[in-house]
């Protein structure tokens, strides 16, 4: 079984998701049927938790790539196995309807269905999340923020909801609120390197509006922690290089003096230069080995590889003839 089948589809590169959806009919036929009773399915040796993770991930990958018919087959198996009233299944059914909708009228009807479900059961978190996502996708960002804050009142430890709220605030240019929400994600997932890097990105963007030295210092800390946790995380090194470059542009000592009263001060210029060099070397290695097709160095997003190449090219030392 491909390991891609057990990864969240949203984290898969588009090419991998497309390949999975094209292989879905063959994979689908090899999976156990959900038509057996709940008791007998527990006794079947062919059924595992991985089997149903595969069904759900195939369903999501097929929706993502427009293979609606196969997605519906996977959904029907999940419905047969877990029942119409399962909250997660209700959300997957709603997602399928959203993908099949052809206009805003149908999307509004789906939104009303979500609201009716929540009237009967306000604690149905999967449906509450789908409602918030649909509000956002239809351009109702303010309503989506309200929906997410209500959801977080019920479930304050939902890292996914905090991350979505942070992205919503960021899209509206509300940097302070976005940083606060992302910090809540970090409290819940302290060893997630992508969460550290995402917070670093928000701080880097916020530094362009106010409190630049303080926010750049904190961004540097987040990017360093990100690559400490995952030593081949492209976004971490990309953010680290951008941040060190920005700090090195500051007049010597100016930035340090402005953050010296904070909990975390800036390193010396020599240390910033070493961090910049380390980020440059690692980005170059990632780009080189990914471009060469080396095993273990694939799976990076093509747009991120292109951005890394552009950053490296822009900062390359010109050759003197």
Protein backbone atom coordinates (compact mmCIF):
# COMPACT_ATOMS: atom_id res chain seq x y z
CA UNK A 1 0.00 0.00 0.00
CA UNK A 2 1.32 3.42 -0.96
CA UNK A 3 2.15 5.60 2.02
CA UNK A 4 0.45 8.46 0.16
CA UNK A 5 -2.88 6.76 0.84
CA UNK A 6 -2.43 7.31 4.56
CA UNK A 7 -1.39 10.98 4.35
CA UNK A 8 -3.88 13.87 4.51
CA UNK A 9 -4.71 14.59 0.84
CA UNK A 10 -4.32 18.33 1.36
CA UNK A 11 -0.61 17.76 2.06
CA UNK A 12 -0.01 15.84 -1.16
CA UNK A 13 1.45 17.57 -4.22
CA UNK A 14 -1.14 17.96 -7.04
CA UNK A 15 0.65 15.40 -9.23
CA UNK A 16 0.53 12.78 -6.46
CA UNK A 17 -3.15 13.46 -5.74
CA UNK A 18 -3.94 13.13 -9.46
CA UNK A 19 -2.04 9.85 -9.70
CA UNK A 20 -3.92 8.45 -6.70
CA UNK A 21 -7.30 9.46 -8.10
CA UNK A 22 -6.46 7.80 -11.43
CA UNK A 23 -5.50 4.61 -9.59
CA UNK A 24 -8.54 4.85 -7.31
CA UNK A 25 -10.76 2.27 -9.11
CA UNK A 26 -8.09 -0.43 -8.73
CA UNK A 27 -7.31 0.53 -5.13
CA UNK A 28 -11.03 0.72 -4.37
CA UNK A 29 -11.64 -2.85 -5.54
CA UNK A 30 -8.94 -4.17 -3.19
CA UNK A 31 -10.49 -2.58 -0.10
CA UNK A 32 -13.07 -4.37 2.12
CA UNK A 33 -16.73 -3.62 1.57
CA UNK A 34 -18.63 -1.69 4.21
CA UNK A 35 -21.90 -3.56 3.62
CA UNK A 36 -21.36 -6.06 6.45
CA UNK A 37 -22.93 -5.44 9.82
CA UNK A 38 -20.93 -3.55 12.43
CA UNK A 39 -20.51 -6.73 14.51
CA UNK A 40 -19.38 -8.92 11.64
CA UNK A 41 -17.05 -6.24 10.31
CA UNK A 42 -15.23 -6.26 13.63
CA UNK A 43 -14.62 -9.98 13.17
CA UNK A 44 -13.35 -9.67 9.61
CA UNK A 45 -9.58 -9.91 9.45
CA UNK A 46 -9.51 -7.91 6.21
CA UNK A 47 -10.84 -4.75 7.88
CA UNK A 48 -8.41 -2.41 9.53
CA UNK A 49 -8.45 1.24 10.53
CA UNK A 50 -6.10 1.85 7.60
CA UNK A 51 -8.74 0.51 5.19
CA UNK A 52 -11.17 3.27 6.08
CA UNK A 53 -8.45 5.90 6.12
CA UNK A 54 -7.70 4.82 2.55
CA UNK A 55 -11.36 5.18 1.57
CA UNK A 56 -11.56 8.67 3.07
CA UNK A 57 -8.28 9.83 1.53
CA UNK A 58 -9.23 8.42 -1.86
CA UNK A 59 -12.54 10.22 -1.59
CA UNK A 60 -10.82 13.54 -0.85
CA UNK A 61 -8.18 13.07 -3.55
CA UNK A 62 -10.82 12.22 -6.15
CA UNK A 63 -12.86 15.30 -5.22
CA UNK A 64 -9.73 17.43 -5.48
CA UNK A 65 -8.99 16.17 -9.01
CA UNK A 66 -12.55 16.09 -10.34
CA UNK A 67 -13.09 12.31 -10.27
CA UNK A 68 -16.55 12.67 -8.76
CA UNK A 69 -17.88 9.24 -9.69
CA UNK A 70 -15.10 7.37 -7.90
CA UNK A 71 -15.37 9.79 -4.98
CA UNK A 72 -19.06 8.92 -4.66
CA UNK A 73 -18.27 5.19 -4.62
CA UNK A 74 -15.80 5.69 -1.77
CA UNK A 75 -18.32 7.84 0.10
CA UNK A 76 -21.02 5.18 -0.23
CA UNK A 77 -18.71 2.59 1.31
CA UNK A 78 -18.00 4.91 4.22
CA UNK A 79 -21.72 5.57 4.70
CA UNK A 80 -22.47 1.82 4.64
CA UNK A 81 -19.78 1.19 7.24
CA UNK A 82 -20.35 4.06 9.67
CA UNK A 83 -23.96 5.12 9.04
CA UNK A 84 -25.75 8.27 7.92
CA UNK A 85 -25.76 9.78 11.41
CA UNK A 86 -22.00 9.67 11.96
CA UNK A 87 -20.88 13.30 12.28
CA UNK A 88 -17.75 12.82 10.19
CA UNK A 89 -19.76 11.10 7.46
CA UNK A 90 -22.28 13.95 7.51
CA UNK A 91 -19.43 16.39 6.86
CA UNK A 92 -18.02 14.27 4.02
CA UNK A 93 -21.46 14.12 2.41
CA UNK A 94 -21.71 17.88 2.69
CA UNK A 95 -18.28 18.28 1.11
CA UNK A 96 -19.37 16.10 -1.81
CA UNK A 97 -22.44 18.27 -2.32
CA UNK A 98 -20.27 21.39 -2.25
CA UNK A 99 -17.98 19.93 -4.91
CA UNK A 100 -20.95 18.99 -7.08
CA UNK A 101 -22.69 22.38 -6.76
CA UNK A 102 -22.83 24.31 -10.02
CA UNK A 103 -23.84 27.75 -8.76
CA UNK A 104 -24.19 29.97 -5.69
CA UNK A 105 -27.86 29.02 -5.29
CA UNK A 106 -26.93 25.39 -4.62
CA UNK A 107 -24.15 26.44 -2.25
CA UNK A 108 -26.59 28.58 -0.28
CA UNK A 109 -28.92 25.58 -0.03
CA UNK A 110 -26.07 23.48 1.37
CA UNK A 111 -25.27 26.25 3.83
CA UNK A 112 -28.88 26.19 5.04
CA UNK A 113 -28.64 22.42 5.47
CA UNK A 114 -25.58 22.90 7.70
CA UNK A 115 -27.41 25.50 9.75
CA UNK A 116 -30.41 23.20 10.20
CA UNK A 117 -28.13 20.40 11.40
CA UNK A 118 -26.44 22.75 13.86
CA UNK A 119 -29.80 23.94 15.18
CA UNK A 120 -30.53 20.35 16.18
CA UNK A 121 -26.98 19.66 17.41
CA UNK A 122 -24.82 22.77 17.97
CA UNK A 123 -21.87 20.59 19.04
CA UNK A 124 -21.54 18.83 15.66
CA UNK A 125 -17.97 20.04 15.08
CA UNK A 126 -17.39 18.50 11.62
CA UNK A 127 -20.49 20.27 10.28
CA UNK A 128 -19.54 23.50 12.07
CA UNK A 129 -16.16 23.35 10.31
CA UNK A 130 -17.75 22.71 6.93
CA UNK A 131 -20.06 25.68 7.47
CA UNK A 132 -17.12 27.95 8.29
CA UNK A 133 -15.17 26.69 5.25
CA UNK A 134 -18.16 27.23 2.96
CA UNK A 135 -18.68 30.75 4.29
CA UNK A 136 -15.05 31.52 3.55
CA UNK A 137 -15.11 30.01 0.06
CA UNK A 138 -18.17 32.10 -0.84
CA UNK A 139 -16.41 35.31 0.18
CA UNK A 140 -18.12 35.85 3.53
CA UNK A 141 -14.95 36.20 5.56
CA UNK A 142 -16.51 38.10 8.46
CA UNK A 143 -19.21 35.45 8.88
CA UNK A 144 -16.54 32.74 8.66
CA UNK A 145 -14.57 34.40 11.48
CA UNK A 146 -17.73 34.52 13.60
CA UNK A 147 -18.43 30.86 12.87
CA UNK A 148 -14.90 29.83 13.83
CA UNK A 149 -14.85 31.84 17.06
CA UNK A 150 -18.15 30.21 18.04
CA UNK A 151 -16.68 26.80 17.25
CA UNK A 152 -13.60 27.57 19.34
CA UNK A 153 -15.80 28.61 22.26
CA UNK A 154 -17.06 25.01 22.23
CA UNK A 155 -13.73 23.38 21.42
CA UNK A 156 -10.81 25.66 22.40
CA UNK A 157 -8.24 22.93 21.78
CA UNK A 158 -9.08 22.47 18.09
CA UNK A 159 -5.77 23.27 16.38
CA UNK A 160 -7.28 23.01 12.89
CA UNK A 161 -9.89 25.67 13.69
CA UNK A 162 -7.27 28.00 15.20
CA UNK A 163 -5.11 27.60 12.07
CA UNK A 164 -8.06 28.38 9.81
CA UNK A 165 -8.90 31.44 11.90
CA UNK A 166 -5.28 32.61 11.66
CA UNK A 167 -5.37 32.31 7.87
CA UNK A 168 -8.63 34.24 7.72
CA UNK A 169 -7.22 37.08 9.80
CA UNK A 170 -4.05 37.10 7.72
CA UNK A 171 -6.03 37.35 4.48
CA UNK A 172 -7.71 40.47 5.88
CA UNK A 173 -4.41 42.04 6.92
CA UNK A 174 -5.20 41.67 10.63
CA UNK A 175 -1.69 40.63 11.58
CA UNK A 176 -1.96 40.89 15.35
CA UNK A 177 -5.07 38.71 15.44
CA UNK A 178 -3.52 36.25 12.98
CA UNK A 179 -0.37 35.95 15.12
CA UNK A 180 -2.44 35.38 18.26
CA UNK A 181 -4.45 32.59 16.59
CA UNK A 182 -1.33 30.96 15.18
CA UNK A 183 0.31 31.07 18.61
CA UNK A 184 -2.67 29.09 19.91
CA UNK A 185 -1.93 26.45 17.26
CA UNK A 186 1.67 26.36 18.48
CA UNK A 187 0.55 25.84 22.08
CA UNK A 188 -1.40 22.77 20.93
CA UNK A 189 1.29 21.50 18.52
CA UNK A 190 4.63 22.67 19.96
CA UNK A 191 6.76 20.31 17.87
CA UNK A 192 5.11 20.96 14.50
CA UNK A 193 7.83 22.50 12.34
CA UNK A 194 5.33 23.80 9.77
CA UNK A 195 3.42 25.64 12.51
CA UNK A 196 6.61 27.34 13.70
CA UNK A 197 7.43 28.35 10.12
CA UNK A 198 3.91 29.61 9.48
CA UNK A 199 4.09 31.79 12.57
CA UNK A 200 7.46 33.04 11.36
CA UNK A 201 5.92 33.99 8.02
CA UNK A 202 3.14 35.93 9.73
CA UNK A 203 5.64 37.78 11.91
CA UNK A 204 7.80 38.57 8.87
CA UNK A 205 4.81 40.04 7.03
CA UNK A 206 3.67 41.96 10.11
CA UNK A 207 7.16 43.46 10.44
CA UNK A 208 6.50 45.46 7.28
CA UNK A 209 3.76 47.39 9.08
CA UNK A 210 5.07 48.04 12.60
CA UNK A 211 7.48 46.87 15.33
CA UNK A 212 9.85 45.57 12.65
CA UNK A 213 12.90 44.70 14.82
CA UNK A 214 10.82 42.96 17.48
CA UNK A 215 8.80 40.95 14.97
CA UNK A 216 11.82 40.06 12.85
CA UNK A 217 13.60 38.83 15.99
CA UNK A 218 10.66 36.59 16.84
CA UNK A 219 10.36 35.42 13.21
CA UNK A 220 14.03 34.44 13.26
CA UNK A 221 13.43 32.40 16.39
CA UNK A 222 10.46 30.58 14.80
CA UNK A 223 12.29 29.76 11.57
CA UNK A 224 15.32 28.48 13.50
CA UNK A 225 13.08 26.23 15.59
CA UNK A 226 11.32 25.00 12.44
CA UNK A 227 14.53 23.81 10.76
CA UNK A 228 15.78 22.42 14.07
CA UNK A 229 12.72 20.17 14.16
CA UNK A 230 12.94 19.27 10.46
CA UNK A 231 16.31 19.78 8.82
CA UNK A 232 15.04 19.60 5.23
CA UNK A 233 11.94 21.80 5.54
CA UNK A 234 12.15 24.18 2.59
CA UNK A 235 9.77 26.84 3.92
CA UNK A 236 11.71 27.04 7.16
CA UNK A 237 15.00 27.71 5.38
CA UNK A 238 13.34 30.07 2.90
CA UNK A 239 11.91 32.16 5.75
CA UNK A 240 15.20 32.00 7.64
CA UNK A 241 17.09 33.43 4.66
CA UNK A 242 14.57 36.21 4.07
CA UNK A 243 14.63 37.18 7.74
CA UNK A 244 18.41 37.17 8.12
CA UNK A 245 18.76 39.22 4.95
CA UNK A 246 16.33 41.78 6.28
CA UNK A 247 18.08 41.99 9.63
CA UNK A 248 21.49 42.30 8.00
CA UNK A 249 20.23 45.32 6.04
CA UNK A 250 19.64 47.19 9.31
CA UNK A 251 22.41 49.57 10.43
CA UNK A 252 24.77 47.70 12.78
CA UNK A 253 23.42 47.71 16.33
CA UNK A 254 20.18 49.55 15.54
CA UNK A 255 17.90 46.51 15.53
CA UNK A 256 19.62 44.99 18.58
CA UNK A 257 19.08 48.13 20.62
CA UNK A 258 15.38 48.18 19.71
CA UNK A 259 14.76 44.64 20.96
CA UNK A 260 17.27 44.44 23.79
CA UNK A 261 14.53 44.95 26.39
CA UNK A 262 12.47 42.06 24.97
CA UNK A 263 12.57 38.45 26.17
CA UNK A 264 14.61 37.40 23.15
CA UNK A 265 17.36 39.55 21.67
CA UNK A 266 18.98 39.42 18.25
CA UNK A 267 22.19 37.46 17.67
CA UNK A 268 25.39 39.19 16.68
CA UNK A 269 25.90 40.19 13.05
CA UNK A 270 28.42 37.37 12.61
CA UNK A 271 25.80 34.85 13.80
CA UNK A 272 23.19 36.28 11.42
CA UNK A 273 25.68 35.90 8.58
CA UNK A 274 26.30 32.26 9.51
CA UNK A 275 22.53 31.60 9.64
CA UNK A 276 22.11 33.23 6.25
CA UNK A 277 24.90 31.08 4.81
CA UNK A 278 23.45 27.91 6.33
CA UNK A 279 20.01 28.69 4.86
CA UNK A 280 21.57 29.41 1.45
CA UNK A 281 23.48 26.13 1.41
CA UNK A 282 20.48 24.06 2.47
CA UNK A 283 18.13 25.69 -0.05
CA UNK A 284 20.70 25.07 -2.78
CA UNK A 285 20.98 21.42 -1.73
CA UNK A 286 17.20 20.94 -1.71
CA UNK A 287 16.82 22.53 -5.15
CA UNK A 288 19.75 20.58 -6.61
CA UNK A 289 18.73 17.16 -5.31
CA UNK A 290 15.04 17.69 -6.06
CA UNK A 291 15.83 18.79 -9.62
CA UNK A 292 18.08 15.74 -10.07
CA UNK A 293 15.17 13.49 -9.10
CA UNK A 294 17.01 11.94 -6.18
CA UNK A 295 15.04 9.52 -4.07
CA UNK A 296 13.99 11.02 -0.75
CA UNK A 297 14.16 14.56 -2.11
CA UNK A 298 10.88 14.58 -4.01
CA UNK A 299 7.47 15.67 -2.76
CA UNK A 300 8.30 19.37 -2.46
CA UNK A 301 5.72 21.74 -3.88
CA UNK A 302 6.81 22.86 -7.37
CA UNK A 303 5.96 26.49 -6.60
CA UNK A 304 8.13 26.39 -3.46
CA UNK A 305 11.06 24.94 -5.41
CA UNK A 306 10.63 27.69 -8.02
CA UNK A 307 10.54 30.37 -5.29
CA UNK A 308 13.71 28.95 -3.72
CA UNK A 309 15.49 29.01 -7.09
CA UNK A 310 14.44 32.62 -7.60
CA UNK A 311 15.64 33.64 -4.15
CA UNK A 312 19.00 31.93 -4.64
CA UNK A 313 19.44 33.49 -8.08
CA UNK A 314 18.63 36.96 -6.77
CA UNK A 315 21.27 36.66 -4.08
CA UNK A 316 23.96 34.89 -6.09
CA UNK A 317 27.33 36.60 -6.06
CA UNK A 318 28.09 37.74 -9.63
CA UNK A 319 31.13 36.21 -11.25
CA UNK A 320 33.90 38.67 -12.03
CA UNK A 321 35.78 37.98 -15.27
